[in-house]
Amino acid sequence: MKNSAIMLLGLLVLAGCSNLTLTTNISPEEALKTSKVEEYSMAEIGRYKADYLGKVSTSMCRTRSTQPKPTESLLVGNLKYKAQKLGANGIVVMECVDHKINNDCPEFLRCDALAYRVDFDAL
């Protein structure tokens, strides 16, 4: 009886999620490339021969409950994507701020990072 209830609950959860979609502007190929962009602290990046390539920023505003909630992990993924487009293979996240911009944006998150090209051959 207990196993049947668990199985039924699992099927209901799966059926409820069948219409769930996540829209992104990153293709699967580009997402794979961003997995090669590592996140470092400022102290860690200082231990490597790394060239600074620029600052990258991203933000997300949630205006409807059907939209994904802005999270640091979502935004860091976007920062890695933007850094990879600059030729970077590493980022240092400087800050993520979740202040409200205005009444049109009840849930907001902005993250900034520094993009680096780390030369692992120089180690």
N, C-alpha and C. Protein backbone atom coordinates (compact mmCIF):
# COMPACT_ATOMS: atom_id res chain seq x y z
N MET A 1 0.82 -1.19 0.00
CA MET A 1 0.00 0.00 0.00
C MET A 1 0.87 1.25 0.00
N LYS A 2 1.91 1.26 0.85
CA LYS A 2 2.78 2.42 0.95
C LYS A 2 3.53 2.65 -0.36
N ASN A 3 4.02 1.56 -0.98
CA ASN A 3 4.74 1.69 -2.25
C ASN A 3 3.81 2.19 -3.36
N SER A 4 2.57 1.77 -3.35
CA SER A 4 1.60 2.23 -4.35
C SER A 4 1.34 3.72 -4.21
N ALA A 5 1.25 4.18 -2.98
CA ALA A 5 1.02 5.61 -2.73
C ALA A 5 2.21 6.44 -3.19
N ILE A 6 3.41 5.95 -2.94
CA ILE A 6 4.62 6.66 -3.36
C ILE A 6 4.70 6.70 -4.88
N MET A 7 4.38 5.57 -5.52
CA MET A 7 4.41 5.52 -6.98
C MET A 7 3.37 6.45 -7.58
N LEU A 8 2.19 6.49 -7.00
CA LEU A 8 1.13 7.37 -7.48
C LEU A 8 1.54 8.83 -7.31
N LEU A 9 2.13 9.15 -6.18
CA LEU A 9 2.59 10.51 -5.95
C LEU A 9 3.68 10.89 -6.96
N GLY A 10 4.60 9.98 -7.24
CA GLY A 10 5.64 10.23 -8.23
C GLY A 10 5.07 10.48 -9.61
N LEU A 11 4.08 9.70 -10.00
CA LEU A 11 3.44 9.88 -11.31
C LEU A 11 2.72 11.22 -11.39
N LEU A 12 2.07 11.61 -10.30
CA LEU A 12 1.38 12.91 -10.28
C LEU A 12 2.38 14.06 -10.40
N VAL A 13 3.50 13.94 -9.72
CA VAL A 13 4.53 14.98 -9.81
C VAL A 13 5.06 15.07 -11.22
N LEU A 14 5.36 13.93 -11.83
CA LEU A 14 5.86 13.92 -13.21
C LEU A 14 4.83 14.50 -14.18
N ALA A 15 3.59 14.15 -13.99
CA ALA A 15 2.54 14.68 -14.87
C ALA A 15 2.39 16.18 -14.68
N GLY A 16 2.53 16.65 -13.47
CA GLY A 16 2.42 18.08 -13.20
C GLY A 16 3.57 18.88 -13.80
N CYS A 17 4.71 18.25 -13.96
CA CYS A 17 5.89 18.93 -14.51
C CYS A 17 5.99 18.76 -16.02
N SER A 18 5.08 18.05 -16.63
CA SER A 18 5.21 17.77 -18.06
C SER A 18 5.09 19.03 -18.91
N ASN A 19 4.43 20.06 -18.42
CA ASN A 19 4.30 21.30 -19.19
C ASN A 19 5.32 22.35 -18.78
N LEU A 20 6.24 22.01 -17.91
CA LEU A 20 7.25 22.94 -17.44
C LEU A 20 8.30 23.15 -18.52
N THR A 21 8.56 24.40 -18.86
CA THR A 21 9.60 24.72 -19.82
C THR A 21 10.49 25.82 -19.26
N LEU A 22 11.73 25.77 -19.62
CA LEU A 22 12.68 26.80 -19.23
C LEU A 22 13.26 27.38 -20.50
N THR A 23 13.04 28.65 -20.71
CA THR A 23 13.51 29.31 -21.91
C THR A 23 14.86 29.96 -21.64
N THR A 24 15.80 29.73 -22.54
CA THR A 24 17.12 30.32 -22.41
C THR A 24 17.63 30.70 -23.78
N ASN A 25 18.55 31.63 -23.82
CA ASN A 25 19.12 32.03 -25.09
C ASN A 25 20.44 31.32 -25.35
N ILE A 26 20.76 30.32 -24.55
CA ILE A 26 21.99 29.57 -24.70
C ILE A 26 21.67 28.22 -25.33
N SER A 27 22.32 27.92 -26.46
CA SER A 27 22.11 26.63 -27.11
C SER A 27 22.83 25.55 -26.32
N PRO A 28 22.46 24.28 -26.53
CA PRO A 28 23.15 23.20 -25.81
C PRO A 28 24.66 23.18 -26.06
N GLU A 29 25.08 23.52 -27.28
CA GLU A 29 26.51 23.55 -27.60
C GLU A 29 27.21 24.64 -26.80
N GLU A 30 26.58 25.81 -26.71
CA GLU A 30 27.18 26.92 -25.97
C GLU A 30 27.19 26.63 -24.47
N ALA A 31 26.15 25.95 -23.99
CA ALA A 31 26.10 25.58 -22.58
C ALA A 31 27.24 24.64 -22.23
N LEU A 32 27.59 23.75 -23.14
CA LEU A 32 28.71 22.84 -22.93
C LEU A 32 30.01 23.62 -22.82
N LYS A 33 30.17 24.63 -23.64
CA LYS A 33 31.39 25.44 -23.60
C LYS A 33 31.51 26.18 -22.27
N THR A 34 30.39 26.65 -21.73
CA THR A 34 30.45 27.40 -20.47
C THR A 34 30.85 26.50 -19.31
N SER A 35 30.70 25.19 -19.46
CA SER A 35 31.14 24.29 -18.39
C SER A 35 32.65 24.31 -18.27
N LYS A 36 33.34 24.85 -19.28
CA LYS A 36 34.80 24.96 -19.23
C LYS A 36 35.25 26.27 -18.60
N VAL A 37 34.30 27.11 -18.21
CA VAL A 37 34.62 28.37 -17.53
C VAL A 37 34.51 28.11 -16.03
N GLU A 38 35.64 28.24 -15.35
CA GLU A 38 35.69 27.98 -13.92
C GLU A 38 35.48 29.26 -13.12
N GLU A 39 34.96 29.10 -11.93
CA GLU A 39 34.77 30.23 -11.02
C GLU A 39 35.89 30.22 -9.99
N TYR A 40 36.55 31.37 -9.82
CA TYR A 40 37.66 31.51 -8.89
C TYR A 40 37.37 32.65 -7.91
N SER A 41 38.07 32.62 -6.78
CA SER A 41 38.07 33.78 -5.89
C SER A 41 39.19 34.70 -6.37
N MET A 42 39.23 35.91 -5.86
CA MET A 42 40.28 36.85 -6.25
C MET A 42 41.65 36.31 -5.81
N ALA A 43 41.72 35.68 -4.65
CA ALA A 43 42.98 35.11 -4.17
C ALA A 43 43.43 33.96 -5.07
N GLU A 44 42.49 33.11 -5.49
CA GLU A 44 42.84 31.97 -6.35
C GLU A 44 43.35 32.43 -7.71
N ILE A 45 42.69 33.41 -8.31
CA ILE A 45 43.08 33.85 -9.65
C ILE A 45 44.48 34.46 -9.62
N GLY A 46 44.87 35.02 -8.47
CA GLY A 46 46.19 35.60 -8.32
C GLY A 46 47.31 34.58 -8.34
N ARG A 47 46.98 33.31 -8.12
CA ARG A 47 47.99 32.25 -8.13
C ARG A 47 48.32 31.75 -9.53
N TYR A 48 47.53 32.17 -10.50
CA TYR A 48 47.71 31.71 -11.88
C TYR A 48 48.22 32.84 -12.75
N LYS A 49 48.78 32.46 -13.90
CA LYS A 49 49.08 33.45 -14.93
C LYS A 49 47.76 33.65 -15.66
N ALA A 50 47.12 34.77 -15.41
CA ALA A 50 45.79 35.03 -15.96
C ALA A 50 45.73 36.43 -16.53
N ASP A 51 45.15 36.54 -17.70
CA ASP A 51 44.95 37.84 -18.35
C ASP A 51 43.52 38.29 -18.12
N TYR A 52 43.37 39.52 -17.65
CA TYR A 52 42.06 40.12 -17.44
C TYR A 52 41.48 40.50 -18.80
N LEU A 53 40.26 40.06 -19.08
CA LEU A 53 39.62 40.33 -20.36
C LEU A 53 38.49 41.36 -20.29
N GLY A 54 37.97 41.60 -19.11
CA GLY A 54 36.90 42.58 -18.98
C GLY A 54 35.89 42.20 -17.91
N LYS A 55 34.94 43.10 -17.72
CA LYS A 55 33.88 42.90 -16.74
C LYS A 55 32.64 42.38 -17.46
N VAL A 56 31.95 41.44 -16.84
CA VAL A 56 30.68 40.95 -17.37
C VAL A 56 29.62 41.13 -16.30
N SER A 57 28.42 41.46 -16.73
CA SER A 57 27.30 41.68 -15.82
C SER A 57 26.05 41.03 -16.39
N THR A 58 25.18 40.65 -15.51
CA THR A 58 23.89 40.11 -15.92
C THR A 58 22.88 40.38 -14.82
N SER A 59 21.62 40.44 -15.22
CA SER A 59 20.56 40.66 -14.24
C SER A 59 19.30 39.93 -14.68
N MET A 60 18.42 39.76 -13.74
CA MET A 60 17.16 39.06 -14.02
C MET A 60 16.06 39.68 -13.18
N CYS A 61 14.93 39.91 -13.82
CA CYS A 61 13.77 40.47 -13.15
C CYS A 61 12.61 39.48 -13.30
N ARG A 62 12.02 39.12 -12.20
CA ARG A 62 10.86 38.23 -12.22
C ARG A 62 9.62 39.08 -11.96
N THR A 63 8.75 39.15 -12.97
CA THR A 63 7.54 39.96 -12.83
C THR A 63 6.29 39.10 -12.67
N ARG A 64 6.40 37.82 -13.06
CA ARG A 64 5.25 36.90 -12.94
C ARG A 64 5.69 35.64 -12.19
N SER A 65 4.76 35.05 -11.47
CA SER A 65 5.08 33.85 -10.70
C SER A 65 5.40 32.65 -11.60
N THR A 66 5.02 32.72 -12.87
CA THR A 66 5.32 31.62 -13.79
C THR A 66 6.75 31.67 -14.31
N GLN A 67 7.44 32.78 -14.09
CA GLN A 67 8.83 32.90 -14.51
C GLN A 67 9.74 32.28 -13.45
N PRO A 68 10.94 31.83 -13.87
CA PRO A 68 11.86 31.30 -12.87
C PRO A 68 12.31 32.40 -11.91
N LYS A 69 12.51 32.01 -10.68
CA LYS A 69 12.98 32.96 -9.66
C LYS A 69 14.44 33.28 -9.93
N PRO A 70 14.83 34.55 -9.84
CA PRO A 70 16.23 34.90 -10.05
C PRO A 70 17.10 34.28 -8.95
N THR A 71 18.07 33.47 -9.34
CA THR A 71 18.98 32.86 -8.38
C THR A 71 20.41 33.15 -8.80
N GLU A 72 21.29 33.10 -7.84
CA GLU A 72 22.70 33.35 -8.11
C GLU A 72 23.26 32.30 -9.08
N SER A 73 22.85 31.04 -8.93
CA SER A 73 23.38 30.01 -9.82
C SER A 73 22.96 30.24 -11.28
N LEU A 74 21.72 30.69 -11.50
CA LEU A 74 21.28 31.00 -12.86
C LEU A 74 22.11 32.14 -13.44
N LEU A 75 22.33 33.17 -12.65
CA LEU A 75 23.07 34.32 -13.14
C LEU A 75 24.55 34.02 -13.32
N VAL A 76 25.14 33.21 -12.47
CA VAL A 76 26.54 32.84 -12.64
C VAL A 76 26.71 32.05 -13.93
N GLY A 77 25.74 31.21 -14.26
CA GLY A 77 25.79 30.50 -15.55
C GLY A 77 25.80 31.47 -16.72
N ASN A 78 25.00 32.52 -16.62
CA ASN A 78 24.96 33.54 -17.67
C ASN A 78 26.27 34.33 -17.70
N LEU A 79 26.85 34.60 -16.54
CA LEU A 79 28.15 35.28 -16.49
C LEU A 79 29.23 34.44 -17.18
N LYS A 80 29.20 33.14 -16.93
CA LYS A 80 30.17 32.24 -17.58
C LYS A 80 29.99 32.26 -19.09
N TYR A 81 28.74 32.28 -19.55
CA TYR A 81 28.46 32.35 -20.98
C TYR A 81 29.03 33.63 -21.58
N LYS A 82 28.78 34.75 -20.93
CA LYS A 82 29.27 36.03 -21.44
C LYS A 82 30.80 36.08 -21.41
N ALA A 83 31.40 35.54 -20.37
CA ALA A 83 32.86 35.51 -20.27
C ALA A 83 33.46 34.62 -21.36
N GLN A 84 32.82 33.49 -21.62
CA GLN A 84 33.30 32.58 -22.66
C GLN A 84 33.27 33.26 -24.02
N LYS A 85 32.26 34.11 -24.25
CA LYS A 85 32.18 34.85 -25.51
C LYS A 85 33.35 35.83 -25.66
N LEU A 86 33.94 36.26 -24.54
CA LEU A 86 35.11 37.13 -24.57
C LEU A 86 36.41 36.34 -24.74
N GLY A 87 36.32 35.01 -24.67
CA GLY A 87 37.50 34.16 -24.76
C GLY A 87 38.03 33.74 -23.41
N ALA A 88 37.25 33.94 -22.37
CA ALA A 88 37.68 33.62 -21.01
C ALA A 88 37.43 32.16 -20.68
N ASN A 89 38.24 31.66 -19.75
CA ASN A 89 37.99 30.32 -19.20
C ASN A 89 37.88 30.37 -17.67
N GLY A 90 37.78 31.60 -17.14
CA GLY A 90 37.61 31.78 -15.70
C GLY A 90 36.92 33.09 -15.38
N ILE A 91 36.19 33.08 -14.27
CA ILE A 91 35.55 34.32 -13.79
C ILE A 91 35.77 34.45 -12.29
N VAL A 92 35.74 35.70 -11.84
CA VAL A 92 35.72 36.01 -10.42
C VAL A 92 34.44 36.80 -10.18
N VAL A 93 33.49 36.21 -9.47
CA VAL A 93 32.23 36.90 -9.19
C VAL A 93 32.52 37.95 -8.12
N MET A 94 32.21 39.20 -8.45
CA MET A 94 32.48 40.30 -7.54
C MET A 94 31.32 40.53 -6.57
N GLU A 95 30.10 40.53 -7.10
CA GLU A 95 28.94 40.73 -6.22
C GLU A 95 27.66 40.30 -6.92
N CYS A 96 26.70 39.94 -6.11
CA CYS A 96 25.34 39.70 -6.56
C CYS A 96 24.44 40.49 -5.61
N VAL A 97 23.63 41.37 -6.17
CA VAL A 97 22.80 42.28 -5.39
C VAL A 97 21.35 42.02 -5.73
N ASP A 98 20.51 41.90 -4.71
CA ASP A 98 19.10 41.59 -4.93
C ASP A 98 18.18 42.73 -4.50
N HIS A 99 18.55 43.94 -4.88
CA HIS A 99 17.70 45.07 -4.50
C HIS A 99 16.58 45.28 -5.53
N LYS A 100 15.51 45.83 -5.06
CA LYS A 100 14.34 46.10 -5.91
C LYS A 100 14.58 47.39 -6.69
N ILE A 101 14.44 47.31 -8.02
CA ILE A 101 14.65 48.49 -8.86
C ILE A 101 13.45 49.42 -8.78
N ASN A 102 12.28 48.88 -9.05
CA ASN A 102 11.06 49.68 -9.03
C ASN A 102 9.86 48.75 -8.82
N ASN A 103 8.68 49.28 -8.85
CA ASN A 103 7.48 48.48 -8.61
C ASN A 103 7.19 47.49 -9.73
N ASP A 104 7.74 47.74 -10.94
CA ASP A 104 7.52 46.82 -12.05
C ASP A 104 8.37 45.55 -11.93
N CYS A 105 9.32 45.55 -11.03
CA CYS A 105 10.22 44.41 -10.87
C CYS A 105 10.28 44.00 -9.39
N PRO A 106 9.33 43.18 -8.96
CA PRO A 106 9.29 42.82 -7.54
C PRO A 106 10.44 41.92 -7.09
N GLU A 107 10.99 41.08 -8.00
CA GLU A 107 12.12 40.22 -7.65
C GLU A 107 13.23 40.45 -8.66
N PHE A 108 14.37 40.95 -8.19
CA PHE A 108 15.46 41.35 -9.06
C PHE A 108 16.78 40.84 -8.49
N LEU A 109 17.68 40.43 -9.38
CA LEU A 109 19.02 40.03 -8.96
C LEU A 109 19.99 40.44 -10.06
N ARG A 110 21.11 41.03 -9.66
CA ARG A 110 22.15 41.44 -10.59
C ARG A 110 23.48 40.91 -10.08
N CYS A 111 24.29 40.35 -11.00
CA CYS A 111 25.61 39.85 -10.63
C CYS A 111 26.66 40.43 -11.58
N ASP A 112 27.83 40.72 -11.02
CA ASP A 112 28.96 41.24 -11.79
C ASP A 112 30.17 40.33 -11.55
N ALA A 113 30.96 40.16 -12.61
CA ALA A 113 32.16 39.32 -12.50
C ALA A 113 33.25 39.88 -13.39
N LEU A 114 34.46 39.45 -13.10
CA LEU A 114 35.62 39.77 -13.92
C LEU A 114 35.97 38.52 -14.73
N ALA A 115 36.21 38.70 -16.02
CA ALA A 115 36.53 37.57 -16.90
C ALA A 115 38.04 37.47 -17.10
N TYR A 116 38.56 36.24 -17.03
CA TYR A 116 39.99 36.00 -17.18
C TYR A 116 40.25 34.85 -18.13
N ARG A 117 41.40 34.95 -18.79
CA ARG A 117 41.92 33.83 -19.59
C ARG A 117 43.10 33.28 -18.80
N VAL A 118 42.91 32.10 -18.21
CA VAL A 118 43.93 31.49 -17.38
C VAL A 118 44.82 30.61 -18.26
N ASP A 119 46.14 30.82 -18.17
CA ASP A 119 47.11 30.05 -18.96
C ASP A 119 47.61 28.90 -18.09
N PHE A 120 47.06 27.71 -18.28
CA PHE A 120 47.45 26.57 -17.48
C PHE A 120 48.79 25.99 -17.93
N ASP A 121 49.23 26.34 -19.14
CA ASP A 121 50.53 25.86 -19.62
C ASP A 121 51.68 26.54 -18.90
N ALA A 122 51.42 27.71 -18.30
CA ALA A 122 52.46 28.48 -17.63
C ALA A 122 52.63 28.06 -16.17
N LEU A 123 51.94 27.04 -15.73
CA LEU A 123 52.05 26.61 -14.32
C LEU A 123 53.33 25.89 -14.06
